[in-house]
Amino acid sequence: MFYYDPVCGRKVNRNKAYARVEYESETYYLCCPKCQAEFEKEPEKHIKKGKHKKHRHH
């Protein structure tokens, strides 16, 4: 099953995700250390974001 990284919008396989973060009873799958750090710093910003920005480092 695939999920979308809430920071960059990249499609992430939950079994191959770089990180899994629990926030307010929801699980978020992140593709890389940069996205994990951004999400953990400001989770609300990324959860409520309408359009996902693209990665610059992939």
PDB file of N, CA and C in Angstrom:
ATOM      1  N   MET A   1       0.840  -1.181   0.000  1.00  0.00           N
ATOM      2  CA  MET A   1       0.000   0.000   0.000  1.00  0.00           C
ATOM      3  C   MET A   1       0.890   1.250   0.000  1.00  0.00           C
ATOM      4  N   PHE A   2       0.460   2.259  -0.731  1.00  0.00           N
ATOM      5  CA  PHE A   2       1.227   3.495  -0.838  1.00  0.00           C
ATOM      6  C   PHE A   2       0.544   4.631  -0.081  1.00  0.00           C
ATOM      7  N   TYR A   3       1.370   5.504   0.452  1.00  0.00           N
ATOM      8  CA  TYR A   3       0.925   6.711   1.133  1.00  0.00           C
ATOM      9  C   TYR A   3       1.708   7.866   0.539  1.00  0.00           C
ATOM     10  N   TYR A   4       1.307   9.077   0.863  1.00  0.00           N
ATOM     11  CA  TYR A   4       2.028  10.240   0.370  1.00  0.00           C
ATOM     12  C   TYR A   4       2.747  10.929   1.521  1.00  0.00           C
ATOM     13  N   ASP A   5       4.015  11.230   1.299  1.00  0.00           N
ATOM     14  CA  ASP A   5       4.812  11.975   2.269  1.00  0.00           C
ATOM     15  C   ASP A   5       4.137  13.343   2.427  1.00  0.00           C
ATOM     16  N   PRO A   6       3.751  13.731   3.656  1.00  0.00           N
ATOM     17  CA  PRO A   6       3.036  14.990   3.837  1.00  0.00           C
ATOM     18  C   PRO A   6       3.897  16.233   3.606  1.00  0.00           C
ATOM     19  N   VAL A   7       5.198  16.082   3.559  1.00  0.00           N
ATOM     20  CA  VAL A   7       6.083  17.231   3.357  1.00  0.00           C
ATOM     21  C   VAL A   7       6.290  17.504   1.873  1.00  0.00           C
ATOM     22  N   CYS A   8       6.659  16.478   1.112  1.00  0.00           N
ATOM     23  CA  CYS A   8       7.004  16.699  -0.300  1.00  0.00           C
ATOM     24  C   CYS A   8       5.977  16.151  -1.276  1.00  0.00           C
ATOM     25  N   GLY A   9       5.065  15.301  -0.795  1.00  0.00           N
ATOM     26  CA  GLY A   9       4.047  14.747  -1.668  1.00  0.00           C
ATOM     27  C   GLY A   9       4.469  13.503  -2.423  1.00  0.00           C
ATOM     28  N   ARG A  10       5.675  13.041  -2.181  1.00  0.00           N
ATOM     29  CA  ARG A  10       6.177  11.852  -2.868  1.00  0.00           C
ATOM     30  C   ARG A  10       5.399  10.609  -2.427  1.00  0.00           C
ATOM     31  N   LYS A  11       5.132   9.718  -3.361  1.00  0.00           N
ATOM     32  CA  LYS A  11       4.451   8.463  -3.061  1.00  0.00           C
ATOM     33  C   LYS A  11       5.440   7.559  -2.312  1.00  0.00           C
ATOM     34  N   VAL A  12       4.986   7.011  -1.169  1.00  0.00           N
ATOM     35  CA  VAL A  12       5.866   6.222  -0.318  1.00  0.00           C
ATOM     36  C   VAL A  12       5.224   4.869  -0.013  1.00  0.00           C
ATOM     37  N   ASN A  13       5.976   3.805  -0.213  1.00  0.00           N
ATOM     38  CA  ASN A  13       5.539   2.467   0.182  1.00  0.00           C
ATOM     39  C   ASN A  13       5.779   2.373   1.684  1.00  0.00           C
ATOM     40  N   ARG A  14       4.764   2.049   2.452  1.00  0.00           N
ATOM     41  CA  ARG A  14       4.914   2.057   3.908  1.00  0.00           C
ATOM     42  C   ARG A  14       5.962   1.065   4.391  1.00  0.00           C
ATOM     43  N   ASN A  15       6.206   0.011   3.644  1.00  0.00           N
ATOM     44  CA  ASN A  15       7.219  -0.972   4.026  1.00  0.00           C
ATOM     45  C   ASN A  15       8.639  -0.518   3.701  1.00  0.00           C
ATOM     46  N   LYS A  16       8.764   0.497   2.857  1.00  0.00           N
ATOM     47  CA  LYS A  16      10.084   0.977   2.458  1.00  0.00           C
ATOM     48  C   LYS A  16      10.314   2.435   2.851  1.00  0.00           C
ATOM     49  N   ALA A  17       9.415   3.009   3.615  1.00  0.00           N
ATOM     50  CA  ALA A  17       9.530   4.409   4.021  1.00  0.00           C
ATOM     51  C   ALA A  17      10.776   4.621   4.874  1.00  0.00           C
ATOM     52  N   TYR A  18      11.373   5.789   4.741  1.00  0.00           N
ATOM     53  CA  TYR A  18      12.535   6.116   5.568  1.00  0.00           C
ATOM     54  C   TYR A  18      12.128   6.181   7.043  1.00  0.00           C
ATOM     55  N   ALA A  19      10.980   6.801   7.313  1.00  0.00           N
ATOM     56  CA  ALA A  19      10.523   6.960   8.695  1.00  0.00           C
ATOM     57  C   ALA A  19       9.015   6.873   8.774  1.00  0.00           C
ATOM     58  N   ARG A  20       8.552   6.475   9.945  1.00  0.00           N
ATOM     59  CA  ARG A  20       7.120   6.438  10.248  1.00  0.00           C
ATOM     60  C   ARG A  20       6.937   7.258  11.508  1.00  0.00           C
ATOM     61  N   VAL A  21       6.058   8.245  11.450  1.00  0.00           N
ATOM     62  CA  VAL A  21       5.837   9.145  12.581  1.00  0.00           C
ATOM     63  C   VAL A  21       4.371   9.105  12.975  1.00  0.00           C
ATOM     64  N   GLU A  22       4.120   8.945  14.258  1.00  0.00           N
ATOM     65  CA  GLU A  22       2.758   8.980  14.801  1.00  0.00           C
ATOM     66  C   GLU A  22       2.490  10.411  15.264  1.00  0.00           C
ATOM     67  N   TYR A  23       1.345  10.946  14.860  1.00  0.00           N
ATOM     68  CA  TYR A  23       0.963  12.294  15.284  1.00  0.00           C
ATOM     69  C   TYR A  23      -0.547  12.340  15.391  1.00  0.00           C
ATOM     70  N   GLU A  24      -1.059  12.662  16.570  1.00  0.00           N
ATOM     71  CA  GLU A  24      -2.490  12.746  16.834  1.00  0.00           C
ATOM     72  C   GLU A  24      -3.239  11.509  16.322  1.00  0.00           C
ATOM     73  N   SER A  25      -2.768  10.356  16.706  1.00  0.00           N
ATOM     74  CA  SER A  25      -3.380   9.058  16.381  1.00  0.00           C
ATOM     75  C   SER A  25      -3.352   8.701  14.899  1.00  0.00           C
ATOM     76  N   GLU A  26      -2.568   9.391  14.124  1.00  0.00           N
ATOM     77  CA  GLU A  26      -2.407   9.075  12.702  1.00  0.00           C
ATOM     78  C   GLU A  26      -0.946   8.705  12.453  1.00  0.00           C
ATOM     79  N   THR A  27      -0.722   7.863  11.462  1.00  0.00           N
ATOM     80  CA  THR A  27       0.631   7.482  11.079  1.00  0.00           C
ATOM     81  C   THR A  27       0.973   8.151   9.757  1.00  0.00           C
ATOM     82  N   TYR A  28       2.146   8.773   9.723  1.00  0.00           N
ATOM     83  CA  TYR A  28       2.628   9.445   8.515  1.00  0.00           C
ATOM     84  C   TYR A  28       3.929   8.787   8.099  1.00  0.00           C
ATOM     85  N   TYR A  29       4.057   8.525   6.803  1.00  0.00           N
ATOM     86  CA  TYR A  29       5.242   7.876   6.257  1.00  0.00           C
ATOM     87  C   TYR A  29       6.050   8.926   5.506  1.00  0.00           C
ATOM     88  N   LEU A  30       7.351   8.951   5.797  1.00  0.00           N
ATOM     89  CA  LEU A  30       8.226   9.970   5.230  1.00  0.00           C
ATOM     90  C   LEU A  30       9.338   9.327   4.417  1.00  0.00           C
ATOM     91  N   CYS A  31       9.738  10.003   3.346  1.00  0.00           N
ATOM     92  CA  CYS A  31      10.662   9.401   2.383  1.00  0.00           C
ATOM     93  C   CYS A  31      12.138   9.582   2.702  1.00  0.00           C
ATOM     94  N   CYS A  32      12.491  10.571   3.523  1.00  0.00           N
ATOM     95  CA  CYS A  32      13.912  10.848   3.752  1.00  0.00           C
ATOM     96  C   CYS A  32      14.115  11.616   5.057  1.00  0.00           C
ATOM     97  N   PRO A  33      15.368  11.745   5.508  1.00  0.00           N
ATOM     98  CA  PRO A  33      15.637  12.448   6.769  1.00  0.00           C
ATOM     99  C   PRO A  33      15.208  13.918   6.750  1.00  0.00           C
ATOM    100  N   LYS A  34      15.344  14.565   5.602  1.00  0.00           N
ATOM    101  CA  LYS A  34      14.958  15.972   5.505  1.00  0.00           C
ATOM    102  C   LYS A  34      13.451  16.138   5.727  1.00  0.00           C
ATOM    103  N   CYS A  35      12.664  15.273   5.102  1.00  0.00           N
ATOM    104  CA  CYS A  35      11.213  15.349   5.281  1.00  0.00           C
ATOM    105  C   CYS A  35      10.813  15.001   6.712  1.00  0.00           C
ATOM    106  N   GLN A  36      11.493  14.034   7.299  1.00  0.00           N
ATOM    107  CA  GLN A  36      11.195  13.682   8.681  1.00  0.00           C
ATOM    108  C   GLN A  36      11.451  14.873   9.603  1.00  0.00           C
ATOM    109  N   ALA A  37      12.574  15.532   9.435  1.00  0.00           N
ATOM    110  CA  ALA A  37      12.920  16.694  10.273  1.00  0.00           C
ATOM    111  C   ALA A  37      11.910  17.816  10.082  1.00  0.00           C
ATOM    112  N   GLU A  38      11.547  18.090   8.833  1.00  0.00           N
ATOM    113  CA  GLU A  38      10.565  19.147   8.556  1.00  0.00           C
ATOM    114  C   GLU A  38       9.210  18.819   9.183  1.00  0.00           C
ATOM    115  N   PHE A  39       8.776  17.578   9.049  1.00  0.00           N
ATOM    116  CA  PHE A  39       7.486  17.178   9.597  1.00  0.00           C
ATOM    117  C   PHE A  39       7.494  17.273  11.122  1.00  0.00           C
ATOM    118  N   GLU A  40       8.549  16.780  11.744  1.00  0.00           N
ATOM    119  CA  GLU A  40       8.617  16.795  13.210  1.00  0.00           C
ATOM    120  C   GLU A  40       8.724  18.208  13.767  1.00  0.00           C
ATOM    121  N   LYS A  41       9.288  19.125  12.993  1.00  0.00           N
ATOM    122  CA  LYS A  41       9.413  20.518  13.421  1.00  0.00           C
ATOM    123  C   LYS A  41       8.057  21.224  13.398  1.00  0.00           C
ATOM    124  N   GLU A  42       7.275  21.006  12.348  1.00  0.00           N
ATOM    125  CA  GLU A  42       5.981  21.679  12.184  1.00  0.00           C
ATOM    126  C   GLU A  42       4.949  20.743  11.559  1.00  0.00           C
ATOM    127  N   PRO A  43       4.487  19.745  12.293  1.00  0.00           N
ATOM    128  CA  PRO A  43       3.553  18.780  11.691  1.00  0.00           C
ATOM    129  C   PRO A  43       2.255  19.400  11.185  1.00  0.00           C
ATOM    130  N   GLU A  44       1.695  20.338  11.915  1.00  0.00           N
ATOM    131  CA  GLU A  44       0.425  20.955  11.498  1.00  0.00           C
ATOM    132  C   GLU A  44       0.548  21.651  10.148  1.00  0.00           C
ATOM    133  N   LYS A  45       1.670  22.267   9.907  1.00  0.00           N
ATOM    134  CA  LYS A  45       1.904  22.960   8.635  1.00  0.00           C
ATOM    135  C   LYS A  45       1.793  21.982   7.465  1.00  0.00           C
ATOM    136  N   HIS A  46       2.324  20.785   7.639  1.00  0.00           N
ATOM    137  CA  HIS A  46       2.358  19.816   6.547  1.00  0.00           C
ATOM    138  C   HIS A  46       1.074  19.007   6.422  1.00  0.00           C
ATOM    139  N   ILE A  47       0.383  18.812   7.515  1.00  0.00           N
ATOM    140  CA  ILE A  47      -0.875  18.069   7.467  1.00  0.00           C
ATOM    141  C   ILE A  47      -1.945  18.898   6.779  1.00  0.00           C
ATOM    142  N   LYS A  48      -1.968  20.186   7.046  1.00  0.00           N
ATOM    143  CA  LYS A  48      -3.008  21.061   6.507  1.00  0.00           C
ATOM    144  C   LYS A  48      -2.678  21.617   5.134  1.00  0.00           C
ATOM    145  N   LYS A  49      -1.464  21.395   4.677  1.00  0.00           N
ATOM    146  CA  LYS A  49      -1.036  21.948   3.399  1.00  0.00           C
ATOM    147  C   LYS A  49      -1.873  21.362   2.264  1.00  0.00           C
ATOM    148  N   GLY A  50      -2.378  22.202   1.402  1.00  0.00           N
ATOM    149  CA  GLY A  50      -3.202  21.723   0.295  1.00  0.00           C
ATOM    150  C   GLY A  50      -2.370  21.053  -0.779  1.00  0.00           C
ATOM    151  N   LYS A  51      -1.501  21.794  -1.420  1.00  0.00           N
ATOM    152  CA  LYS A  51      -0.656  21.243  -2.473  1.00  0.00           C
ATOM    153  C   LYS A  51       0.702  20.914  -1.884  1.00  0.00           C
ATOM    154  N   HIS A  52       1.258  19.809  -2.339  1.00  0.00           N
ATOM    155  CA  HIS A  52       2.571  19.393  -1.861  1.00  0.00           C
ATOM    156  C   HIS A  52       3.645  20.006  -2.733  1.00  0.00           C
ATOM    157  N   LYS A  53       4.698  20.496  -2.079  1.00  0.00           N
ATOM    158  CA  LYS A  53       5.813  21.012  -2.866  1.00  0.00           C
ATOM    159  C   LYS A  53       6.687  19.845  -3.304  1.00  0.00           C
ATOM    160  N   LYS A  54       7.404  20.038  -4.354  1.00  0.00           N
ATOM    161  CA  LYS A  54       8.259  18.985  -4.882  1.00  0.00           C
ATOM    162  C   LYS A  54       9.615  19.039  -4.183  1.00  0.00           C
ATOM    163  N   HIS A  55      10.250  17.880  -4.113  1.00  0.00           N
ATOM    164  CA  HIS A  55      11.602  17.789  -3.562  1.00  0.00           C
ATOM    165  C   HIS A  55      12.580  18.510  -4.464  1.00  0.00           C
ATOM    166  N   ARG A  56      13.581  19.074  -3.883  1.00  0.00           N
ATOM    167  CA  ARG A  56      14.655  19.671  -4.664  1.00  0.00           C
ATOM    168  C   ARG A  56      15.892  18.772  -4.623  1.00  0.00           C
ATOM    169  N   HIS A  57      15.927  17.846  -3.681  1.00  0.00           N
ATOM    170  CA  HIS A  57      17.129  17.022  -3.526  1.00  0.00           C
ATOM    171  C   HIS A  57      16.982  15.608  -4.069  1.00  0.00           C
ATOM    172  N   HIS A  58      15.858  15.238  -4.663  1.00  0.00           N
ATOM    173  CA  HIS A  58      15.706  13.896  -5.242  1.00  0.00           C
ATOM    174  C   HIS A  58      15.882  13.951  -6.733  1.00  0.00           C
TER     175      HIS A  58
END
